[in-house]
Amino acid sequence: MRLKDAKRFFRDLMEDTTIRGKCIEITMLPKRERGMALRALGYSFTPKELDDVLCREFYLMTEEERRLFGPGDLRDIVMGMWGNCM
């Protein structure tokens, strides 16, 4: 099985409600277990790789997409929930 990169993770997170739900469940785990859970879903990336993707994609997103996970900076939210755990 080929592991999915940061760009694929972010795309899946934004577009696939099933994956998004699983990722939300992962945030309920202790931080030290989140990376393993994401790798179990087939993702492999570094925090820097995800941060780079977020910075590139942010300007292409609508305001609604930027607020998908609530108020606040999307980059901070995604990195805090998933990115820094990899």
PDB file of N, CA and C in Angstrom:
ATOM      1  N   MET A   1       0.840  -1.172   0.000  1.00  0.00           N
ATOM      2  CA  MET A   1       0.000   0.000   0.000  1.00  0.00           C
ATOM      3  C   MET A   1       0.891   1.243   0.000  1.00  0.00           C
ATOM      4  N   ARG A   2       0.615   2.150  -0.892  1.00  0.00           N
ATOM      5  CA  ARG A   2       1.351   3.408  -0.961  1.00  0.00           C
ATOM      6  C   ARG A   2       0.751   4.384   0.036  1.00  0.00           C
ATOM      7  N   LEU A   3       1.591   5.010   0.843  1.00  0.00           N
ATOM      8  CA  LEU A   3       1.120   5.957   1.845  1.00  0.00           C
ATOM      9  C   LEU A   3       0.737   7.282   1.202  1.00  0.00           C
ATOM     10  N   LYS A   4      -0.270   7.919   1.760  1.00  0.00           N
ATOM     11  CA  LYS A   4      -0.771   9.187   1.224  1.00  0.00           C
ATOM     12  C   LYS A   4      -0.014  10.349   1.854  1.00  0.00           C
ATOM     13  N   ASP A   5       0.286  11.350   1.043  1.00  0.00           N
ATOM     14  CA  ASP A   5       1.080  12.481   1.503  1.00  0.00           C
ATOM     15  C   ASP A   5       0.215  13.581   2.130  1.00  0.00           C
ATOM     16  N   ALA A   6       0.866  14.673   2.518  1.00  0.00           N
ATOM     17  CA  ALA A   6       0.199  15.782   3.197  1.00  0.00           C
ATOM     18  C   ALA A   6      -0.882  16.419   2.324  1.00  0.00           C
ATOM     19  N   LYS A   7      -0.608  16.561   1.042  1.00  0.00           N
ATOM     20  CA  LYS A   7      -1.597  17.167   0.146  1.00  0.00           C
ATOM     21  C   LYS A   7      -2.848  16.308   0.073  1.00  0.00           C
ATOM     22  N   ARG A   8      -2.658  15.018  -0.026  1.00  0.00           N
ATOM     23  CA  ARG A   8      -3.807  14.095  -0.077  1.00  0.00           C
ATOM     24  C   ARG A   8      -4.574  14.124   1.242  1.00  0.00           C
ATOM     25  N   PHE A   9      -3.842  14.175   2.366  1.00  0.00           N
ATOM     26  CA  PHE A   9      -4.504  14.251   3.668  1.00  0.00           C
ATOM     27  C   PHE A   9      -5.389  15.491   3.739  1.00  0.00           C
ATOM     28  N   PHE A  10      -4.844  16.630   3.367  1.00  0.00           N
ATOM     29  CA  PHE A  10      -5.611  17.865   3.454  1.00  0.00           C
ATOM     30  C   PHE A  10      -6.814  17.835   2.514  1.00  0.00           C
ATOM     31  N   ARG A  11      -6.627  17.337   1.325  1.00  0.00           N
ATOM     32  CA  ARG A  11      -7.744  17.235   0.375  1.00  0.00           C
ATOM     33  C   ARG A  11      -8.828  16.306   0.933  1.00  0.00           C
ATOM     34  N   ASP A  12      -8.412  15.156   1.455  1.00  0.00           N
ATOM     35  CA  ASP A  12      -9.384  14.223   2.038  1.00  0.00           C
ATOM     36  C   ASP A  12     -10.098  14.857   3.228  1.00  0.00           C
ATOM     37  N   LEU A  13      -9.356  15.561   4.058  1.00  0.00           N
ATOM     38  CA  LEU A  13      -9.926  16.216   5.233  1.00  0.00           C
ATOM     39  C   LEU A  13     -10.999  17.227   4.835  1.00  0.00           C
ATOM     40  N   MET A  14     -10.759  17.953   3.773  1.00  0.00           N
ATOM     41  CA  MET A  14     -11.689  18.989   3.342  1.00  0.00           C
ATOM     42  C   MET A  14     -12.866  18.454   2.531  1.00  0.00           C
ATOM     43  N   GLU A  15     -12.662  17.358   1.778  1.00  0.00           N
ATOM     44  CA  GLU A  15     -13.681  16.921   0.824  1.00  0.00           C
ATOM     45  C   GLU A  15     -14.390  15.622   1.189  1.00  0.00           C
ATOM     46  N   ASP A  16     -13.774  14.768   1.962  1.00  0.00           N
ATOM     47  CA  ASP A  16     -14.335  13.446   2.253  1.00  0.00           C
ATOM     48  C   ASP A  16     -14.902  13.429   3.671  1.00  0.00           C
ATOM     49  N   THR A  17     -16.217  13.441   3.785  1.00  0.00           N
ATOM     50  CA  THR A  17     -16.839  13.529   5.111  1.00  0.00           C
ATOM     51  C   THR A  17     -16.545  12.304   5.973  1.00  0.00           C
ATOM     52  N   THR A  18     -16.350  11.152   5.363  1.00  0.00           N
ATOM     53  CA  THR A  18     -16.014   9.951   6.136  1.00  0.00           C
ATOM     54  C   THR A  18     -14.633  10.089   6.765  1.00  0.00           C
ATOM     55  N   ILE A  19     -13.659  10.486   5.972  1.00  0.00           N
ATOM     56  CA  ILE A  19     -12.296  10.686   6.485  1.00  0.00           C
ATOM     57  C   ILE A  19     -12.293  11.811   7.515  1.00  0.00           C
ATOM     58  N   ARG A  20     -13.024  12.881   7.230  1.00  0.00           N
ATOM     59  CA  ARG A  20     -13.086  13.999   8.179  1.00  0.00           C
ATOM     60  C   ARG A  20     -13.619  13.516   9.525  1.00  0.00           C
ATOM     61  N   GLY A  21     -14.652  12.693   9.501  1.00  0.00           N
ATOM     62  CA  GLY A  21     -15.211  12.153  10.742  1.00  0.00           C
ATOM     63  C   GLY A  21     -14.196  11.317  11.505  1.00  0.00           C
ATOM     64  N   LYS A  22     -13.459  10.477  10.777  1.00  0.00           N
ATOM     65  CA  LYS A  22     -12.435   9.657  11.427  1.00  0.00           C
ATOM     66  C   LYS A  22     -11.333  10.534  12.012  1.00  0.00           C
ATOM     67  N   CYS A  23     -10.976  11.589  11.295  1.00  0.00           N
ATOM     68  CA  CYS A  23      -9.935  12.495  11.780  1.00  0.00           C
ATOM     69  C   CYS A  23     -10.397  13.265  13.012  1.00  0.00           C
ATOM     70  N   ILE A  24     -11.664  13.638  13.043  1.00  0.00           N
ATOM     71  CA  ILE A  24     -12.216  14.302  14.228  1.00  0.00           C
ATOM     72  C   ILE A  24     -12.153  13.338  15.418  1.00  0.00           C
ATOM     73  N   GLU A  25     -12.480  12.070  15.190  1.00  0.00           N
ATOM     74  CA  GLU A  25     -12.380  11.073  16.262  1.00  0.00           C
ATOM     75  C   GLU A  25     -10.940  10.945  16.755  1.00  0.00           C
ATOM     76  N   ILE A  26      -9.994  11.021  15.836  1.00  0.00           N
ATOM     77  CA  ILE A  26      -8.579  10.919  16.198  1.00  0.00           C
ATOM     78  C   ILE A  26      -8.170  12.049  17.141  1.00  0.00           C
ATOM     79  N   THR A  27      -8.762  13.224  16.988  1.00  0.00           N
ATOM     80  CA  THR A  27      -8.393  14.344  17.866  1.00  0.00           C
ATOM     81  C   THR A  27      -8.787  14.092  19.314  1.00  0.00           C
ATOM     82  N   MET A  28      -9.646  13.129  19.543  1.00  0.00           N
ATOM     83  CA  MET A  28     -10.045  12.796  20.908  1.00  0.00           C
ATOM     84  C   MET A  28      -9.020  11.891  21.599  1.00  0.00           C
ATOM     85  N   LEU A  29      -8.097  11.359  20.824  1.00  0.00           N
ATOM     86  CA  LEU A  29      -7.025  10.532  21.386  1.00  0.00           C
ATOM     87  C   LEU A  29      -5.964  11.428  22.019  1.00  0.00           C
ATOM     88  N   PRO A  30      -5.165  10.864  22.932  1.00  0.00           N
ATOM     89  CA  PRO A  30      -4.023  11.630  23.432  1.00  0.00           C
ATOM     90  C   PRO A  30      -3.102  11.984  22.268  1.00  0.00           C
ATOM     91  N   LYS A  31      -2.440  13.136  22.353  1.00  0.00           N
ATOM     92  CA  LYS A  31      -1.601  13.608  21.238  1.00  0.00           C
ATOM     93  C   LYS A  31      -0.567  12.577  20.811  1.00  0.00           C
ATOM     94  N   ARG A  32      -0.013  11.843  21.755  1.00  0.00           N
ATOM     95  CA  ARG A  32       1.039  10.880  21.406  1.00  0.00           C
ATOM     96  C   ARG A  32       0.507   9.709  20.570  1.00  0.00           C
ATOM     97  N   GLU A  33      -0.810   9.513  20.533  1.00  0.00           N
ATOM     98  CA  GLU A  33      -1.411   8.416  19.766  1.00  0.00           C
ATOM     99  C   GLU A  33      -1.974   8.856  18.415  1.00  0.00           C
ATOM    100  N   ARG A  34      -2.090  10.145  18.198  1.00  0.00           N
ATOM    101  CA  ARG A  34      -2.716  10.639  16.963  1.00  0.00           C
ATOM    102  C   ARG A  34      -1.908  10.304  15.712  1.00  0.00           C
ATOM    103  N   GLY A  35      -0.597  10.426  15.788  1.00  0.00           N
ATOM    104  CA  GLY A  35       0.237  10.125  14.630  1.00  0.00           C
ATOM    105  C   GLY A  35       0.066   8.676  14.187  1.00  0.00           C
ATOM    106  N   MET A  36       0.056   7.755  15.146  1.00  0.00           N
ATOM    107  CA  MET A  36      -0.141   6.337  14.808  1.00  0.00           C
ATOM    108  C   MET A  36      -1.509   6.115  14.168  1.00  0.00           C
ATOM    109  N   ALA A  37      -2.523   6.795  14.688  1.00  0.00           N
ATOM    110  CA  ALA A  37      -3.872   6.641  14.147  1.00  0.00           C
ATOM    111  C   ALA A  37      -3.955   7.169  12.718  1.00  0.00           C
ATOM    112  N   LEU A  38      -3.295   8.291  12.444  1.00  0.00           N
ATOM    113  CA  LEU A  38      -3.282   8.816  11.071  1.00  0.00           C
ATOM    114  C   LEU A  38      -2.512   7.890  10.139  1.00  0.00           C
ATOM    115  N   ARG A  39      -1.412   7.333  10.620  1.00  0.00           N
ATOM    116  CA  ARG A  39      -0.665   6.379   9.792  1.00  0.00           C
ATOM    117  C   ARG A  39      -1.490   5.121   9.542  1.00  0.00           C
ATOM    118  N   ALA A  40      -2.314   4.721  10.508  1.00  0.00           N
ATOM    119  CA  ALA A  40      -3.195   3.569  10.319  1.00  0.00           C
ATOM    120  C   ALA A  40      -4.229   3.832   9.222  1.00  0.00           C
ATOM    121  N   LEU A  41      -4.568   5.098   9.006  1.00  0.00           N
ATOM    122  CA  LEU A  41      -5.474   5.463   7.910  1.00  0.00           C
ATOM    123  C   LEU A  41      -4.748   5.546   6.571  1.00  0.00           C
ATOM    124  N   GLY A  42      -3.417   5.385   6.608  1.00  0.00           N
ATOM    125  CA  GLY A  42      -2.648   5.370   5.367  1.00  0.00           C
ATOM    126  C   GLY A  42      -1.906   6.653   5.049  1.00  0.00           C
ATOM    127  N   TYR A  43      -1.831   7.588   5.990  1.00  0.00           N
ATOM    128  CA  TYR A  43      -1.166   8.870   5.734  1.00  0.00           C
ATOM    129  C   TYR A  43       0.239   8.875   6.316  1.00  0.00           C
ATOM    130  N   SER A  44       1.138   9.512   5.601  1.00  0.00           N
ATOM    131  CA  SER A  44       2.509   9.677   6.075  1.00  0.00           C
ATOM    132  C   SER A  44       3.044  11.012   5.574  1.00  0.00           C
ATOM    133  N   PHE A  45       3.296  11.918   6.505  1.00  0.00           N
ATOM    134  CA  PHE A  45       3.826  13.232   6.170  1.00  0.00           C
ATOM    135  C   PHE A  45       4.438  13.820   7.429  1.00  0.00           C
ATOM    136  N   THR A  46       5.254  14.833   7.228  1.00  0.00           N
ATOM    137  CA  THR A  46       5.847  15.531   8.361  1.00  0.00           C
ATOM    138  C   THR A  46       5.018  16.781   8.661  1.00  0.00           C
ATOM    139  N   PRO A  47       5.165  17.345   9.856  1.00  0.00           N
ATOM    140  CA  PRO A  47       4.465  18.591  10.143  1.00  0.00           C
ATOM    141  C   PRO A  47       4.809  19.688   9.133  1.00  0.00           C
ATOM    142  N   LYS A  48       6.056  19.779   8.728  1.00  0.00           N
ATOM    143  CA  LYS A  48       6.470  20.795   7.750  1.00  0.00           C
ATOM    144  C   LYS A  48       5.764  20.596   6.414  1.00  0.00           C
ATOM    145  N   GLU A  49       5.657  19.356   5.969  1.00  0.00           N
ATOM    146  CA  GLU A  49       4.977  19.087   4.696  1.00  0.00           C
ATOM    147  C   GLU A  49       3.516  19.525   4.760  1.00  0.00           C
ATOM    148  N   LEU A  50       2.840  19.232   5.861  1.00  0.00           N
ATOM    149  CA  LEU A  50       1.441  19.641   5.989  1.00  0.00           C
ATOM    150  C   LEU A  50       1.331  21.165   6.075  1.00  0.00           C
ATOM    151  N   ASP A  51       2.215  21.794   6.818  1.00  0.00           N
ATOM    152  CA  ASP A  51       2.202  23.245   6.925  1.00  0.00           C
ATOM    153  C   ASP A  51       2.402  23.897   5.559  1.00  0.00           C
ATOM    154  N   ASP A  52       3.304  23.366   4.767  1.00  0.00           N
ATOM    155  CA  ASP A  52       3.528  23.894   3.409  1.00  0.00           C
ATOM    156  C   ASP A  52       2.268  23.780   2.560  1.00  0.00           C
ATOM    157  N   VAL A  53       1.584  22.656   2.653  1.00  0.00           N
ATOM    158  CA  VAL A  53       0.342  22.459   1.896  1.00  0.00           C
ATOM    159  C   VAL A  53      -0.707  23.467   2.358  1.00  0.00           C
ATOM    160  N   LEU A  54      -0.853  23.625   3.661  1.00  0.00           N
ATOM    161  CA  LEU A  54      -1.837  24.570   4.192  1.00  0.00           C
ATOM    162  C   LEU A  54      -1.567  25.993   3.709  1.00  0.00           C
ATOM    163  N   CYS A  55      -0.318  26.387   3.729  1.00  0.00           N
ATOM    164  CA  CYS A  55       0.043  27.742   3.280  1.00  0.00           C
ATOM    165  C   CYS A  55      -0.273  27.938   1.799  1.00  0.00           C
ATOM    166  N   ARG A  56      -0.021  26.935   0.978  1.00  0.00           N
ATOM    167  CA  ARG A  56      -0.310  27.044  -0.463  1.00  0.00           C
ATOM    168  C   ARG A  56      -1.808  27.044  -0.739  1.00  0.00           C
ATOM    169  N   GLU A  57      -2.535  26.149  -0.088  1.00  0.00           N
ATOM    170  CA  GLU A  57      -3.956  25.962  -0.383  1.00  0.00           C
ATOM    171  C   GLU A  57      -4.845  27.055   0.210  1.00  0.00           C
ATOM    172  N   PHE A  58      -4.412  27.678   1.289  1.00  0.00           N
ATOM    173  CA  PHE A  58      -5.236  28.648   1.999  1.00  0.00           C
ATOM    174  C   PHE A  58      -5.772  29.736   1.077  1.00  0.00           C
ATOM    175  N   TYR A  59      -4.936  30.239   0.209  1.00  0.00           N
ATOM    176  CA  TYR A  59      -5.339  31.351  -0.660  1.00  0.00           C
ATOM    177  C   TYR A  59      -6.280  30.925  -1.778  1.00  0.00           C
ATOM    178  N   LEU A  60      -6.391  29.637  -2.006  1.00  0.00           N
ATOM    179  CA  LEU A  60      -7.289  29.126  -3.039  1.00  0.00           C
ATOM    180  C   LEU A  60      -8.664  28.760  -2.481  1.00  0.00           C
ATOM    181  N   MET A  61      -8.808  28.835  -1.172  1.00  0.00           N
ATOM    182  CA  MET A  61     -10.030  28.384  -0.510  1.00  0.00           C
ATOM    183  C   MET A  61     -11.046  29.522  -0.370  1.00  0.00           C
ATOM    184  N   THR A  62     -12.317  29.131  -0.339  1.00  0.00           N
ATOM    185  CA  THR A  62     -13.373  30.096  -0.068  1.00  0.00           C
ATOM    186  C   THR A  62     -13.408  30.377   1.432  1.00  0.00           C
ATOM    187  N   GLU A  63     -14.077  31.438   1.812  1.00  0.00           N
ATOM    188  CA  GLU A  63     -14.222  31.770   3.234  1.00  0.00           C
ATOM    189  C   GLU A  63     -14.947  30.641   3.975  1.00  0.00           C
ATOM    190  N   GLU A  64     -15.920  30.043   3.325  1.00  0.00           N
ATOM    191  CA  GLU A  64     -16.661  28.933   3.940  1.00  0.00           C
ATOM    192  C   GLU A  64     -15.731  27.746   4.221  1.00  0.00           C
ATOM    193  N   GLU A  65     -14.871  27.428   3.278  1.00  0.00           N
ATOM    194  CA  GLU A  65     -13.922  26.327   3.475  1.00  0.00           C
ATOM    195  C   GLU A  65     -12.948  26.649   4.606  1.00  0.00           C
ATOM    196  N   ARG A  66     -12.546  27.885   4.712  1.00  0.00           N
ATOM    197  CA  ARG A  66     -11.606  28.290   5.761  1.00  0.00           C
ATOM    198  C   ARG A  66     -12.219  28.152   7.152  1.00  0.00           C
ATOM    199  N   ARG A  67     -13.531  28.203   7.237  1.00  0.00           N
ATOM    200  CA  ARG A  67     -14.241  28.134   8.521  1.00  0.00           C
ATOM    201  C   ARG A  67     -14.811  26.736   8.799  1.00  0.00           C
ATOM    202  N   LEU A  68     -14.422  25.748   8.017  1.00  0.00           N
ATOM    203  CA  LEU A  68     -14.964  24.387   8.147  1.00  0.00           C
ATOM    204  C   LEU A  68     -14.824  23.837   9.562  1.00  0.00           C
ATOM    205  N   PHE A  69     -13.745  24.160  10.244  1.00  0.00           N
ATOM    206  CA  PHE A  69     -13.509  23.634  11.590  1.00  0.00           C
ATOM    207  C   PHE A  69     -13.775  24.674  12.672  1.00  0.00           C
ATOM    208  N   GLY A  70     -14.527  25.699  12.330  1.00  0.00           N
ATOM    209  CA  GLY A  70     -14.896  26.714  13.304  1.00  0.00           C
ATOM    210  C   GLY A  70     -14.094  27.988  13.124  1.00  0.00           C
ATOM    211  N   PRO A  71     -14.379  28.955  14.003  1.00  0.00           N
ATOM    212  CA  PRO A  71     -13.663  30.221  13.907  1.00  0.00           C
ATOM    213  C   PRO A  71     -12.193  30.039  14.287  1.00  0.00           C
ATOM    214  N   GLY A  72     -11.389  30.901  13.758  1.00  0.00           N
ATOM    215  CA  GLY A  72      -9.958  30.834  14.034  1.00  0.00           C
ATOM    216  C   GLY A  72      -9.183  30.557  12.764  1.00  0.00           C
ATOM    217  N   ASP A  73      -7.882  30.548  12.905  1.00  0.00           N
ATOM    218  CA  ASP A  73      -6.988  30.331  11.772  1.00  0.00           C
ATOM    219  C   ASP A  73      -6.957  28.850  11.397  1.00  0.00           C
ATOM    220  N   LEU A  74      -7.374  28.538  10.181  1.00  0.00           N
ATOM    221  CA  LEU A  74      -7.430  27.142   9.731  1.00  0.00           C
ATOM    222  C   LEU A  74      -6.087  26.450   9.900  1.00  0.00           C
ATOM    223  N   ARG A  75      -5.022  27.147   9.595  1.00  0.00           N
ATOM    224  CA  ARG A  75      -3.685  26.556   9.705  1.00  0.00           C
ATOM    225  C   ARG A  75      -3.391  26.146  11.149  1.00  0.00           C
ATOM    226  N   ASP A  76      -3.677  27.024  12.094  1.00  0.00           N
ATOM    227  CA  ASP A  76      -3.453  26.701  13.501  1.00  0.00           C
ATOM    228  C   ASP A  76      -4.309  25.526  13.949  1.00  0.00           C
ATOM    229  N   ILE A  77      -5.550  25.497  13.510  1.00  0.00           N
ATOM    230  CA  ILE A  77      -6.466  24.419  13.897  1.00  0.00           C
ATOM    231  C   ILE A  77      -5.974  23.076  13.370  1.00  0.00           C
ATOM    232  N   VAL A  78      -5.683  23.011  12.072  1.00  0.00           N
ATOM    233  CA  VAL A  78      -5.256  21.748  11.466  1.00  0.00           C
ATOM    234  C   VAL A  78      -3.912  21.285  12.031  1.00  0.00           C
ATOM    235  N   MET A  79      -2.988  22.201  12.181  1.00  0.00           N
ATOM    236  CA  MET A  79      -1.676  21.813  12.711  1.00  0.00           C
ATOM    237  C   MET A  79      -1.806  21.354  14.164  1.00  0.00           C
ATOM    238  N   GLY A  80      -2.646  22.010  14.938  1.00  0.00           N
ATOM    239  CA  GLY A  80      -2.831  21.629  16.335  1.00  0.00           C
ATOM    240  C   GLY A  80      -3.517  20.297  16.501  1.00  0.00           C
ATOM    241  N   MET A  81      -4.479  20.013  15.632  1.00  0.00           N
ATOM    242  CA  MET A  81      -5.241  18.768  15.749  1.00  0.00           C
ATOM    243  C   MET A  81      -4.502  17.574  15.186  1.00  0.00           C
ATOM    244  N   TRP A  82      -3.819  17.759  14.052  1.00  0.00           N
ATOM    245  CA  TRP A  82      -3.228  16.614  13.374  1.00  0.00           C
ATOM    246  C   TRP A  82      -1.766  16.790  13.002  1.00  0.00           C
ATOM    247  N   GLY A  83      -1.398  17.929  12.484  1.00  0.00           N
ATOM    248  CA  GLY A  83      -0.060  18.122  11.910  1.00  0.00           C
ATOM    249  C   GLY A  83       1.088  17.962  12.878  1.00  0.00           C
ATOM    250  N   ASN A  84       0.975  18.548  14.047  1.00  0.00           N
ATOM    251  CA  ASN A  84       2.074  18.490  14.999  1.00  0.00           C
ATOM    252  C   ASN A  84       2.241  17.106  15.626  1.00  0.00           C
ATOM    253  N   CYS A  85       1.298  16.226  15.380  1.00  0.00           N
ATOM    254  CA  CYS A  85       1.369  14.875  15.954  1.00  0.00           C
ATOM    255  C   CYS A  85       2.132  13.906  15.055  1.00  0.00           C
ATOM    256  N   MET A  86       2.441  14.340  13.854  1.00  0.00           N
ATOM    257  CA  MET A  86       3.143  13.450  12.926  1.00  0.00           C
ATOM    258  C   MET A  86       4.622  13.634  13.125  1.00  0.00           C
TER     259      MET A  86
END
